[in-house]
Full PDB file with SEQRES, HELIX, SHEET, SSBOND, CRYST1, ORIGX, SCALE, CONECT and MASTER records, all heavy atoms in Angstrom:
SEQRES   1 A   40  PHE VAL GLU GLU GLU PRO GLN PRO ASN GLU LYS GLY ILE          
SEQRES   2 A   40  LYS GLU ILE LEU GLY SER VAL PHE SER PHE VAL GLU ARG          
SEQRES   3 A   40  LEU ASP ASP GLU PHE ASN LYS SER LEU LEU ASN THR ASP          
SEQRES   4 A   40  PRO                                                          
HELIX    1 AA1 VAL A   20  LEU A   36  1                                  17    
CRYST1    1.000    1.000    1.000  90.00  90.00  90.00 P 1           1          
ORIGX1      1.000000  0.000000  0.000000        0.00000                         
ORIGX2      0.000000  1.000000  0.000000        0.00000                         
ORIGX3      0.000000  0.000000  1.000000        0.00000                         
SCALE1      1.000000  0.000000  0.000000        0.00000                         
SCALE2      0.000000  1.000000  0.000000        0.00000                         
SCALE3      0.000000  0.000000  1.000000        0.00000                         
ATOM      1  N   PHE A   1     -20.418  60.906 -42.217  1.00  0.00           N  
ATOM      2  CA  PHE A   1     -19.856  61.993 -41.406  1.00  0.00           C  
ATOM      3  C   PHE A   1     -18.794  61.460 -40.457  1.00  0.00           C  
ATOM      4  O   PHE A   1     -19.042  60.558 -39.670  1.00  0.00           O  
ATOM      5  CB  PHE A   1     -20.976  62.684 -40.600  1.00  0.00           C  
ATOM      6  CG  PHE A   1     -22.052  63.223 -41.487  1.00  0.00           C  
ATOM      7  CD1 PHE A   1     -23.264  62.556 -41.608  1.00  0.00           C  
ATOM      8  CD2 PHE A   1     -21.838  64.388 -42.230  1.00  0.00           C  
ATOM      9  CE1 PHE A   1     -24.254  63.033 -42.441  1.00  0.00           C  
ATOM     10  CE2 PHE A   1     -22.836  64.858 -43.068  1.00  0.00           C  
ATOM     11  CZ  PHE A   1     -24.051  64.196 -43.180  1.00  0.00           C  
ATOM     12  N   VAL A   2     -17.630  62.057 -40.554  1.00  0.00           N  
ATOM     13  CA  VAL A   2     -16.515  61.600 -39.722  1.00  0.00           C  
ATOM     14  C   VAL A   2     -16.801  61.837 -38.236  1.00  0.00           C  
ATOM     15  O   VAL A   2     -16.394  61.076 -37.373  1.00  0.00           O  
ATOM     16  CB  VAL A   2     -15.212  62.340 -40.136  1.00  0.00           C  
ATOM     17  CG1 VAL A   2     -14.032  61.819 -39.337  1.00  0.00           C  
ATOM     18  CG2 VAL A   2     -14.949  62.156 -41.621  1.00  0.00           C  
ATOM     19  N   GLU A   3     -17.547  62.949 -37.953  1.00  0.00           N  
ATOM     20  CA  GLU A   3     -17.769  63.315 -36.545  1.00  0.00           C  
ATOM     21  C   GLU A   3     -18.659  62.309 -35.830  1.00  0.00           C  
ATOM     22  O   GLU A   3     -18.564  62.136 -34.626  1.00  0.00           O  
ATOM     23  CB  GLU A   3     -18.432  64.710 -36.434  1.00  0.00           C  
ATOM     24  CG  GLU A   3     -17.574  65.868 -36.882  1.00  0.00           C  
ATOM     25  CD  GLU A   3     -17.620  66.067 -38.396  1.00  0.00           C  
ATOM     26  OE1 GLU A   3     -18.601  65.625 -39.022  1.00  0.00           O  
ATOM     27  OE2 GLU A   3     -16.664  66.643 -38.941  1.00  0.00           O  
ATOM     28  N   GLU A   4     -19.546  61.651 -36.589  1.00  0.00           N  
ATOM     29  CA  GLU A   4     -20.509  60.755 -35.931  1.00  0.00           C  
ATOM     30  C   GLU A   4     -19.886  59.401 -35.615  1.00  0.00           C  
ATOM     31  O   GLU A   4     -19.178  58.829 -36.434  1.00  0.00           O  
ATOM     32  CB  GLU A   4     -21.729  60.537 -36.845  1.00  0.00           C  
ATOM     33  CG  GLU A   4     -22.652  61.733 -36.849  1.00  0.00           C  
ATOM     34  CD  GLU A   4     -23.882  61.477 -37.737  1.00  0.00           C  
ATOM     35  OE1 GLU A   4     -24.132  60.303 -38.075  1.00  0.00           O  
ATOM     36  OE2 GLU A   4     -24.550  62.455 -38.085  1.00  0.00           O  
ATOM     37  N   GLU A   5     -20.179  58.937 -34.423  1.00  0.00           N  
ATOM     38  CA  GLU A   5     -19.710  57.606 -34.011  1.00  0.00           C  
ATOM     39  C   GLU A   5     -20.510  56.562 -34.804  1.00  0.00           C  
ATOM     40  O   GLU A   5     -21.724  56.684 -34.932  1.00  0.00           O  
ATOM     41  CB  GLU A   5     -20.007  57.451 -32.514  1.00  0.00           C  
ATOM     42  CG  GLU A   5     -19.503  56.183 -31.901  1.00  0.00           C  
ATOM     43  CD  GLU A   5     -18.167  56.361 -31.187  1.00  0.00           C  
ATOM     44  OE1 GLU A   5     -17.577  57.461 -31.256  1.00  0.00           O  
ATOM     45  OE2 GLU A   5     -17.733  55.402 -30.574  1.00  0.00           O  
ATOM     46  N   PRO A   6     -19.845  55.511 -35.361  1.00  0.00           N  
ATOM     47  CA  PRO A   6     -20.622  54.493 -36.080  1.00  0.00           C  
ATOM     48  C   PRO A   6     -21.567  53.754 -35.126  1.00  0.00           C  
ATOM     49  O   PRO A   6     -21.274  53.616 -33.936  1.00  0.00           O  
ATOM     50  CB  PRO A   6     -19.546  53.553 -36.634  1.00  0.00           C  
ATOM     51  CG  PRO A   6     -18.302  53.846 -35.868  1.00  0.00           C  
ATOM     52  CD  PRO A   6     -18.409  55.252 -35.395  1.00  0.00           C  
ATOM     53  N   GLN A   7     -22.697  53.301 -35.672  1.00  0.00           N  
ATOM     54  CA  GLN A   7     -23.692  52.613 -34.834  1.00  0.00           C  
ATOM     55  C   GLN A   7     -23.210  51.193 -34.510  1.00  0.00           C  
ATOM     56  O   GLN A   7     -22.672  50.512 -35.373  1.00  0.00           O  
ATOM     57  CB  GLN A   7     -25.030  52.517 -35.575  1.00  0.00           C  
ATOM     58  CG  GLN A   7     -25.721  53.863 -35.784  1.00  0.00           C  
ATOM     59  CD  GLN A   7     -25.949  54.585 -34.456  1.00  0.00           C  
ATOM     60  OE1 GLN A   7     -26.438  53.985 -33.501  1.00  0.00           O  
ATOM     61  NE2 GLN A   7     -25.562  55.863 -34.394  1.00  0.00           N  
ATOM     62  N   PRO A   8     -23.394  50.750 -33.262  1.00  0.00           N  
ATOM     63  CA  PRO A   8     -22.995  49.368 -32.932  1.00  0.00           C  
ATOM     64  C   PRO A   8     -23.857  48.362 -33.689  1.00  0.00           C  
ATOM     65  O   PRO A   8     -25.054  48.616 -33.905  1.00  0.00           O  
ATOM     66  CB  PRO A   8     -23.251  49.262 -31.426  1.00  0.00           C  
ATOM     67  CG  PRO A   8     -23.671  50.601 -30.952  1.00  0.00           C  
ATOM     68  CD  PRO A   8     -23.919  51.483 -32.117  1.00  0.00           C  
ATOM     69  N   ASN A   9     -23.268  47.235 -34.108  1.00  0.00           N  
ATOM     70  CA  ASN A   9     -24.068  46.194 -34.785  1.00  0.00           C  
ATOM     71  C   ASN A   9     -24.717  45.293 -33.729  1.00  0.00           C  
ATOM     72  O   ASN A   9     -24.642  45.581 -32.529  1.00  0.00           O  
ATOM     73  CB  ASN A   9     -23.187  45.392 -35.757  1.00  0.00           C  
ATOM     74  CG  ASN A   9     -22.040  44.696 -35.046  1.00  0.00           C  
ATOM     75  OD1 ASN A   9     -21.978  44.664 -33.822  1.00  0.00           O  
ATOM     76  ND2 ASN A   9     -21.116  44.144 -35.815  1.00  0.00           N  
ATOM     77  N   GLU A  10     -25.306  44.173 -34.194  1.00  0.00           N  
ATOM     78  CA  GLU A  10     -26.076  43.340 -33.245  1.00  0.00           C  
ATOM     79  C   GLU A  10     -25.204  42.762 -32.122  1.00  0.00           C  
ATOM     80  O   GLU A  10     -25.694  42.425 -31.052  1.00  0.00           O  
ATOM     81  CB  GLU A  10     -26.838  42.217 -33.983  1.00  0.00           C  
ATOM     82  CG  GLU A  10     -25.975  41.196 -34.731  1.00  0.00           C  
ATOM     83  CD  GLU A  10     -25.560  41.687 -36.133  1.00  0.00           C  
ATOM     84  OE1 GLU A  10     -25.834  42.862 -36.470  1.00  0.00           O  
ATOM     85  OE2 GLU A  10     -24.949  40.897 -36.865  1.00  0.00           O  
ATOM     86  N   LYS A  11     -23.884  42.688 -32.346  1.00  0.00           N  
ATOM     87  CA  LYS A  11     -23.021  42.175 -31.277  1.00  0.00           C  
ATOM     88  C   LYS A  11     -22.528  43.305 -30.383  1.00  0.00           C  
ATOM     89  O   LYS A  11     -21.709  43.085 -29.490  1.00  0.00           O  
ATOM     90  CB  LYS A  11     -21.813  41.464 -31.877  1.00  0.00           C  
ATOM     91  CG  LYS A  11     -22.167  40.148 -32.566  1.00  0.00           C  
ATOM     92  CD  LYS A  11     -20.900  39.487 -33.086  1.00  0.00           C  
ATOM     93  CE  LYS A  11     -21.250  38.263 -33.934  1.00  0.00           C  
ATOM     94  NZ  LYS A  11     -20.165  37.905 -34.833  1.00  0.00           N  
ATOM     95  N   GLY A  12     -22.950  44.528 -30.677  1.00  0.00           N  
ATOM     96  CA  GLY A  12     -22.519  45.663 -29.869  1.00  0.00           C  
ATOM     97  C   GLY A  12     -21.140  46.176 -30.247  1.00  0.00           C  
ATOM     98  O   GLY A  12     -20.500  46.887 -29.471  1.00  0.00           O  
ATOM     99  N   ILE A  13     -20.682  45.812 -31.467  1.00  0.00           N  
ATOM    100  CA  ILE A  13     -19.347  46.259 -31.906  1.00  0.00           C  
ATOM    101  C   ILE A  13     -19.496  47.343 -32.960  1.00  0.00           C  
ATOM    102  O   ILE A  13     -20.308  47.228 -33.874  1.00  0.00           O  
ATOM    103  CB  ILE A  13     -18.552  45.050 -32.463  1.00  0.00           C  
ATOM    104  CG1 ILE A  13     -18.164  44.121 -31.304  1.00  0.00           C  
ATOM    105  CG2 ILE A  13     -17.304  45.517 -33.212  1.00  0.00           C  
ATOM    106  CD1 ILE A  13     -17.601  42.807 -31.719  1.00  0.00           C  
ATOM    107  N   LYS A  14     -18.726  48.414 -32.784  1.00  0.00           N  
ATOM    108  CA  LYS A  14     -18.800  49.506 -33.764  1.00  0.00           C  
ATOM    109  C   LYS A  14     -17.769  49.249 -34.869  1.00  0.00           C  
ATOM    110  O   LYS A  14     -16.591  49.058 -34.581  1.00  0.00           O  
ATOM    111  CB  LYS A  14     -18.507  50.833 -33.065  1.00  0.00           C  
ATOM    112  CG  LYS A  14     -19.539  51.142 -31.996  1.00  0.00           C  
ATOM    113  CD  LYS A  14     -19.141  52.324 -31.165  1.00  0.00           C  
ATOM    114  CE  LYS A  14     -20.192  52.564 -30.068  1.00  0.00           C  
ATOM    115  NZ  LYS A  14     -19.809  53.596 -29.133  1.00  0.00           N  
ATOM    116  N   GLU A  15     -18.258  49.218 -36.123  1.00  0.00           N  
ATOM    117  CA  GLU A  15     -17.356  48.899 -37.240  1.00  0.00           C  
ATOM    118  C   GLU A  15     -16.903  50.161 -37.957  1.00  0.00           C  
ATOM    119  O   GLU A  15     -17.713  51.041 -38.272  1.00  0.00           O  
ATOM    120  CB  GLU A  15     -18.057  47.961 -38.223  1.00  0.00           C  
ATOM    121  CG  GLU A  15     -18.286  46.576 -37.645  1.00  0.00           C  
ATOM    122  CD  GLU A  15     -18.800  45.588 -38.679  1.00  0.00           C  
ATOM    123  OE1 GLU A  15     -19.414  46.043 -39.665  1.00  0.00           O  
ATOM    124  OE2 GLU A  15     -18.579  44.375 -38.510  1.00  0.00           O  
ATOM    125  N   ILE A  16     -15.615  50.257 -38.231  1.00  0.00           N  
ATOM    126  CA  ILE A  16     -15.061  51.424 -38.935  1.00  0.00           C  
ATOM    127  C   ILE A  16     -14.532  50.925 -40.274  1.00  0.00           C  
ATOM    128  O   ILE A  16     -13.846  49.896 -40.339  1.00  0.00           O  
ATOM    129  CB  ILE A  16     -13.907  52.053 -38.122  1.00  0.00           C  
ATOM    130  CG1 ILE A  16     -14.425  52.450 -36.727  1.00  0.00           C  
ATOM    131  CG2 ILE A  16     -13.292  53.238 -38.841  1.00  0.00           C  
ATOM    132  CD1 ILE A  16     -13.316  52.736 -35.739  1.00  0.00           C  
ATOM    133  N   LEU A  17     -14.840  51.656 -41.339  1.00  0.00           N  
ATOM    134  CA  LEU A  17     -14.404  51.237 -42.667  1.00  0.00           C  
ATOM    135  C   LEU A  17     -12.916  51.559 -42.853  1.00  0.00           C  
ATOM    136  O   LEU A  17     -12.480  52.680 -42.601  1.00  0.00           O  
ATOM    137  CB  LEU A  17     -15.226  51.970 -43.739  1.00  0.00           C  
ATOM    138  CG  LEU A  17     -14.925  51.585 -45.183  1.00  0.00           C  
ATOM    139  CD1 LEU A  17     -15.292  50.133 -45.437  1.00  0.00           C  
ATOM    140  CD2 LEU A  17     -15.671  52.477 -46.154  1.00  0.00           C  
ATOM    141  N   GLY A  18     -12.145  50.562 -43.281  1.00  0.00           N  
ATOM    142  CA  GLY A  18     -10.712  50.799 -43.512  1.00  0.00           C  
ATOM    143  C   GLY A  18     -10.002  49.478 -43.705  1.00  0.00           C  
ATOM    144  O   GLY A  18     -10.537  48.431 -43.358  1.00  0.00           O  
ATOM    145  N   SER A  19      -8.817  49.536 -44.287  1.00  0.00           N  
ATOM    146  CA  SER A  19      -8.078  48.302 -44.496  1.00  0.00           C  
ATOM    147  C   SER A  19      -6.782  48.353 -43.711  1.00  0.00           C  
ATOM    148  O   SER A  19      -5.900  49.151 -43.996  1.00  0.00           O  
ATOM    149  CB  SER A  19      -7.784  48.117 -45.977  1.00  0.00           C  
ATOM    150  OG  SER A  19      -6.838  47.104 -46.128  1.00  0.00           O  
ATOM    151  N   VAL A  20      -6.695  47.504 -42.705  1.00  0.00           N  
ATOM    152  CA  VAL A  20      -5.490  47.471 -41.868  1.00  0.00           C  
ATOM    153  C   VAL A  20      -4.309  46.962 -42.693  1.00  0.00           C  
ATOM    154  O   VAL A  20      -3.202  47.489 -42.631  1.00  0.00           O  
ATOM    155  CB  VAL A  20      -5.711  46.518 -40.660  1.00  0.00           C  
ATOM    156  CG1 VAL A  20      -4.458  46.438 -39.808  1.00  0.00           C  
ATOM    157  CG2 VAL A  20      -6.885  46.995 -39.836  1.00  0.00           C  
ATOM    158  N   PHE A  21      -4.595  45.945 -43.506  1.00  0.00           N  
ATOM    159  CA  PHE A  21      -3.471  45.297 -44.168  1.00  0.00           C  
ATOM    160  C   PHE A  21      -2.832  46.153 -45.259  1.00  0.00           C  
ATOM    161  O   PHE A  21      -1.652  46.007 -45.553  1.00  0.00           O  
ATOM    162  CB  PHE A  21      -3.868  43.926 -44.720  1.00  0.00           C  
ATOM    163  CG  PHE A  21      -2.666  43.138 -45.122  1.00  0.00           C  
ATOM    164  CD1 PHE A  21      -1.756  42.712 -44.158  1.00  0.00           C  
ATOM    165  CD2 PHE A  21      -2.383  42.867 -46.444  1.00  0.00           C  
ATOM    166  CE1 PHE A  21      -0.599  42.017 -44.507  1.00  0.00           C  
ATOM    167  CE2 PHE A  21      -1.235  42.178 -46.800  1.00  0.00           C  
ATOM    168  CZ  PHE A  21      -0.345  41.747 -45.825  1.00  0.00           C  
ATOM    169  N   SER A  22      -3.611  47.071 -45.840  1.00  0.00           N  
ATOM    170  CA  SER A  22      -3.029  47.931 -46.886  1.00  0.00           C  
ATOM    171  C   SER A  22      -1.840  48.711 -46.351  1.00  0.00           C  
ATOM    172  O   SER A  22      -0.850  48.909 -47.052  1.00  0.00           O  
ATOM    173  CB  SER A  22      -4.067  48.910 -47.420  1.00  0.00           C  
ATOM    174  OG  SER A  22      -5.096  48.188 -48.023  1.00  0.00           O  
ATOM    175  N   PHE A  23      -1.938  49.143 -45.079  1.00  0.00           N  
ATOM    176  CA  PHE A  23      -0.820  49.891 -44.470  1.00  0.00           C  
ATOM    177  C   PHE A  23       0.421  48.994 -44.368  1.00  0.00           C  
ATOM    178  O   PHE A  23       1.525  49.397 -44.710  1.00  0.00           O  
ATOM    179  CB  PHE A  23      -1.203  50.375 -43.067  1.00  0.00           C  
ATOM    180  CG  PHE A  23      -2.156  51.518 -43.087  1.00  0.00           C  
ATOM    181  CD1 PHE A  23      -3.458  51.363 -42.645  1.00  0.00           C  
ATOM    182  CD2 PHE A  23      -1.759  52.768 -43.556  1.00  0.00           C  
ATOM    183  CE1 PHE A  23      -4.344  52.423 -42.664  1.00  0.00           C  
ATOM    184  CE2 PHE A  23      -2.643  53.838 -43.574  1.00  0.00           C  
ATOM    185  CZ  PHE A  23      -3.938  53.663 -43.127  1.00  0.00           C  
ATOM    186  N   VAL A  24       0.195  47.766 -43.898  1.00  0.00           N  
ATOM    187  CA  VAL A  24       1.313  46.836 -43.719  1.00  0.00           C  
ATOM    188  C   VAL A  24       1.944  46.529 -45.078  1.00  0.00           C  
ATOM    189  O   VAL A  24       3.161  46.458 -45.226  1.00  0.00           O  
ATOM    190  CB  VAL A  24       0.841  45.537 -43.035  1.00  0.00           C  
ATOM    191  CG1 VAL A  24       1.993  44.564 -42.844  1.00  0.00           C  
ATOM    192  CG2 VAL A  24       0.207  45.862 -41.695  1.00  0.00           C  
ATOM    193  N   GLU A  25       1.068  46.391 -46.085  1.00  0.00           N  
ATOM    194  CA  GLU A  25       1.547  46.067 -47.431  1.00  0.00           C  
ATOM    195  C   GLU A  25       2.404  47.200 -47.986  1.00  0.00           C  
ATOM    196  O   GLU A  25       3.476  46.965 -48.553  1.00  0.00           O  
ATOM    197  CB  GLU A  25       0.328  45.855 -48.333  1.00  0.00           C  
ATOM    198  CG  GLU A  25       0.545  44.851 -49.417  1.00  0.00           C  
ATOM    199  CD  GLU A  25      -0.784  44.408 -50.029  1.00  0.00           C  
ATOM    200  OE1 GLU A  25      -1.748  45.202 -50.062  1.00  0.00           O  
ATOM    201  OE2 GLU A  25      -0.851  43.274 -50.482  1.00  0.00           O  
ATOM    202  N   ARG A  26       1.929  48.417 -47.776  1.00  0.00           N  
ATOM    203  CA  ARG A  26       2.702  49.576 -48.257  1.00  0.00           C  
ATOM    204  C   ARG A  26       4.050  49.648 -47.546  1.00  0.00           C  
ATOM    205  O   ARG A  26       5.076  49.928 -48.155  1.00  0.00           O  
ATOM    206  CB  ARG A  26       1.932  50.883 -47.968  1.00  0.00           C  
ATOM    207  CG  ARG A  26       0.666  51.085 -48.763  1.00  0.00           C  
ATOM    208  CD  ARG A  26       0.848  52.058 -49.921  1.00  0.00           C  
ATOM    209  NE  ARG A  26       1.482  53.311 -49.555  1.00  0.00           N  
ATOM    210  CZ  ARG A  26       0.829  54.411 -49.176  1.00  0.00           C  
ATOM    211  NH1 ARG A  26      -0.493  54.389 -49.083  1.00  0.00           N  
ATOM    212  NH2 ARG A  26       1.485  55.509 -48.904  1.00  0.00           N  
ATOM    213  N   LEU A  27       4.016  49.360 -46.261  1.00  0.00           N  
ATOM    214  CA  LEU A  27       5.245  49.398 -45.457  1.00  0.00           C  
ATOM    215  C   LEU A  27       6.246  48.358 -45.982  1.00  0.00           C  
ATOM    216  O   LEU A  27       7.445  48.633 -46.136  1.00  0.00           O  
ATOM    217  CB  LEU A  27       4.891  49.079 -44.001  1.00  0.00           C  
ATOM    218  CG  LEU A  27       5.953  49.377 -42.950  1.00  0.00           C  
ATOM    219  CD1 LEU A  27       6.243  50.862 -42.905  1.00  0.00           C  
ATOM    220  CD2 LEU A  27       5.468  48.925 -41.585  1.00  0.00           C  
ATOM    221  N   ASP A  28       5.726  47.176 -46.297  1.00  0.00           N  
ATOM    222  CA  ASP A  28       6.568  46.101 -46.801  1.00  0.00           C  
ATOM    223  C   ASP A  28       7.180  46.476 -48.158  1.00  0.00           C  
ATOM    224  O   ASP A  28       8.358  46.222 -48.423  1.00  0.00           O  
ATOM    225  CB  ASP A  28       5.732  44.821 -46.924  1.00  0.00           C  
ATOM    226  CG  ASP A  28       6.593  43.598 -47.115  1.00  0.00           C  
ATOM    227  OD1 ASP A  28       7.751  43.621 -46.668  1.00  0.00           O  
ATOM    228  OD2 ASP A  28       6.126  42.622 -47.722  1.00  0.00           O  
ATOM    229  N   ASP A  29       6.358  47.118 -49.018  1.00  0.00           N  
ATOM    230  CA  ASP A  29       6.868  47.559 -50.324  1.00  0.00           C  
ATOM    231  C   ASP A  29       7.999  48.564 -50.154  1.00  0.00           C  
ATOM    232  O   ASP A  29       9.015  48.501 -50.840  1.00  0.00           O  
ATOM    233  CB  ASP A  29       5.743  48.194 -51.156  1.00  0.00           C  
ATOM    234  CG  ASP A  29       4.757  47.138 -51.653  1.00  0.00           C  
ATOM    235  OD1 ASP A  29       5.150  45.954 -51.683  1.00  0.00           O  
ATOM    236  OD2 ASP A  29       3.615  47.487 -51.991  1.00  0.00           O  
ATOM    237  N   GLU A  30       7.796  49.495 -49.215  1.00  0.00           N  
ATOM    238  CA  GLU A  30       8.825  50.519 -48.980  1.00  0.00           C  
ATOM    239  C   GLU A  30      10.111  49.877 -48.439  1.00  0.00           C  
ATOM    240  O   GLU A  30      11.209  50.272 -48.795  1.00  0.00           O  
ATOM    241  CB  GLU A  30       8.327  51.574 -47.970  1.00  0.00           C  
ATOM    242  CG  GLU A  30       7.238  52.478 -48.512  1.00  0.00           C  
ATOM    243  CD  GLU A  30       7.673  53.280 -49.729  1.00  0.00           C  
ATOM    244  OE1 GLU A  30       8.845  53.716 -49.774  1.00  0.00           O  
ATOM    245  OE2 GLU A  30       6.866  53.450 -50.649  1.00  0.00           O  
ATOM    246  N   PHE A  31       9.925  48.868 -47.595  1.00  0.00           N  
ATOM    247  CA  PHE A  31      11.077  48.151 -47.028  1.00  0.00           C  
ATOM    248  C   PHE A  31      11.879  47.492 -48.156  1.00  0.00           C  
ATOM    249  O   PHE A  31      13.100  47.592 -48.217  1.00  0.00           O  
ATOM    250  CB  PHE A  31      10.565  47.098 -46.036  1.00  0.00           C  
ATOM    251  CG  PHE A  31      11.621  46.160 -45.528  1.00  0.00           C  
ATOM    252  CD1 PHE A  31      12.639  46.612 -44.708  1.00  0.00           C  
ATOM    253  CD2 PHE A  31      11.608  44.806 -45.863  1.00  0.00           C  
ATOM    254  CE1 PHE A  31      13.619  45.751 -44.224  1.00  0.00           C  
ATOM    255  CE2 PHE A  31      12.576  43.940 -45.392  1.00  0.00           C  
ATOM    256  CZ  PHE A  31      13.588  44.415 -44.575  1.00  0.00           C  
ATOM    257  N   ASN A  32      11.145  46.869 -49.081  1.00  0.00           N  
ATOM    258  CA  ASN A  32      11.804  46.235 -50.229  1.00  0.00           C  
ATOM    259  C   ASN A  32      12.551  47.240 -51.081  1.00  0.00           C  
ATOM    260  O   ASN A  32      13.661  46.994 -51.523  1.00  0.00           O  
ATOM    261  CB  ASN A  32      10.758  45.530 -51.088  1.00  0.00           C  
ATOM    262  CG  ASN A  32      10.933  44.036 -51.024  1.00  0.00           C  
ATOM    263  OD1 ASN A  32      11.879  43.555 -50.404  1.00  0.00           O  
ATOM    264  ND2 ASN A  32      10.050  43.298 -51.656  1.00  0.00           N  
ATOM    265  N   LYS A  33      11.890  48.411 -51.291  1.00  0.00           N  
ATOM    266  CA  LYS A  33      12.517  49.459 -52.105  1.00  0.00           C  
ATOM    267  C   LYS A  33      13.795  49.936 -51.449  1.00  0.00           C  
ATOM    268  O   LYS A  33      14.805  50.137 -52.109  1.00  0.00           O  
ATOM    269  CB  LYS A  33      11.565  50.653 -52.248  1.00  0.00           C  
ATOM    270  CG  LYS A  33      10.688  50.571 -53.478  1.00  0.00           C  
ATOM    271  CD  LYS A  33       9.940  51.880 -53.635  1.00  0.00           C  
ATOM    272  CE  LYS A  33       8.581  51.616 -54.257  1.00  0.00           C  
ATOM    273  NZ  LYS A  33       7.712  52.775 -54.243  1.00  0.00           N  
ATOM    274  N   SER A  34      13.741  50.109 -50.131  1.00  0.00           N  
ATOM    275  CA  SER A  34      14.933  50.635 -49.458  1.00  0.00           C  
ATOM    276  C   SER A  34      16.077  49.621 -49.535  1.00  0.00           C  
ATOM    277  O   SER A  34      17.233  49.997 -49.647  1.00  0.00           O  
ATOM    278  CB  SER A  34      14.620  51.005 -48.008  1.00  0.00           C  
ATOM    279  OG  SER A  34      14.402  49.850 -47.265  1.00  0.00           O  
ATOM    280  N   LEU A  35      15.742  48.314 -49.515  1.00  0.00           N  
ATOM    281  CA  LEU A  35      16.798  47.301 -49.667  1.00  0.00           C  
ATOM    282  C   LEU A  35      17.400  47.348 -51.067  1.00  0.00           C  
ATOM    283  O   LEU A  35      18.609  47.223 -51.244  1.00  0.00           O  
ATOM    284  CB  LEU A  35      16.240  45.900 -49.408  1.00  0.00           C  
ATOM    285  CG  LEU A  35      16.009  45.486 -47.962  1.00  0.00           C  
ATOM    286  CD1 LEU A  35      15.377  44.099 -47.904  1.00  0.00           C  
ATOM    287  CD2 LEU A  35      17.299  45.478 -47.161  1.00  0.00           C  
ATOM    288  N   LEU A  36      16.519  47.548 -52.066  1.00  0.00           N  
ATOM    289  CA  LEU A  36      17.014  47.577 -53.447  1.00  0.00           C  
ATOM    290  C   LEU A  36      17.879  48.799 -53.707  1.00  0.00           C  
ATOM    291  O   LEU A  36      18.756  48.778 -54.553  1.00  0.00           O  
ATOM    292  CB  LEU A  36      15.833  47.572 -54.428  1.00  0.00           C  
ATOM    293  CG  LEU A  36      15.075  46.256 -54.568  1.00  0.00           C  
ATOM    294  CD1 LEU A  36      13.821  46.443 -55.403  1.00  0.00           C  
ATOM    295  CD2 LEU A  36      15.948  45.187 -55.202  1.00  0.00           C  
ATOM    296  N   ASN A  37      17.609  49.881 -52.964  1.00  0.00           N  
ATOM    297  CA  ASN A  37      18.366  51.113 -53.193  1.00  0.00           C  
ATOM    298  C   ASN A  37      19.586  51.254 -52.296  1.00  0.00           C  
ATOM    299  O   ASN A  37      20.247  52.274 -52.309  1.00  0.00           O  
ATOM    300  CB  ASN A  37      17.456  52.332 -53.005  1.00  0.00           C  
ATOM    301  CG  ASN A  37      16.519  52.487 -54.191  1.00  0.00           C  
ATOM    302  OD1 ASN A  37      16.966  52.543 -55.330  1.00  0.00           O  
ATOM    303  ND2 ASN A  37      15.226  52.521 -53.929  1.00  0.00           N  
ATOM    304  N   THR A  38      19.857  50.226 -51.488  1.00  0.00           N  
ATOM    305  CA  THR A  38      21.035  50.283 -50.606  1.00  0.00           C  
ATOM    306  C   THR A  38      22.129  49.408 -51.200  1.00  0.00           C  
ATOM    307  O   THR A  38      21.822  48.347 -51.750  1.00  0.00           O  
ATOM    308  CB  THR A  38      20.671  49.739 -49.200  1.00  0.00           C  
ATOM    309  OG1 THR A  38      19.487  50.392 -48.767  1.00  0.00           O  
ATOM    310  CG2 THR A  38      21.771  50.023 -48.199  1.00  0.00           C  
ATOM    311  N   ASP A  39      23.364  49.830 -51.067  1.00  0.00           N  
ATOM    312  CA  ASP A  39      24.467  49.008 -51.568  1.00  0.00           C  
ATOM    313  C   ASP A  39      24.555  47.725 -50.739  1.00  0.00           C  
ATOM    314  O   ASP A  39      24.770  47.778 -49.522  1.00  0.00           O  
ATOM    315  CB  ASP A  39      25.773  49.812 -51.455  1.00  0.00           C  
ATOM    316  CG  ASP A  39      26.989  48.942 -51.741  1.00  0.00           C  
ATOM    317  OD1 ASP A  39      26.804  47.898 -52.399  1.00  0.00           O  
ATOM    318  OD2 ASP A  39      28.097  49.299 -51.314  1.00  0.00           O  
ATOM    319  N   PRO A  40      24.385  46.559 -51.379  1.00  0.00           N  
ATOM    320  CA  PRO A  40      24.296  45.316 -50.601  1.00  0.00           C  
ATOM    321  C   PRO A  40      25.582  44.942 -49.866  1.00  0.00           C  
ATOM    322  O   PRO A  40      25.564  44.117 -48.965  1.00  0.00           O  
ATOM    323  CB  PRO A  40      23.970  44.258 -51.659  1.00  0.00           C  
ATOM    324  CG  PRO A  40      24.322  44.875 -52.959  1.00  0.00           C  
ATOM    325  CD  PRO A  40      24.164  46.336 -52.804  1.00  0.00           C  
TER     326      PRO A  40                                                      
MASTER        0    0    0    1    0    0    0    6  325    1    0    4          
END                                                                             
């Protein structure tokens, strides 16, 4: 359930499922595409 706050683990840290790097990777791919589609 999205509404529920995740339970803290033994260190008291709440973990959220997700991949931070996938966003950066997609951004990098788009950056490359925009370079390829621009007149050098």
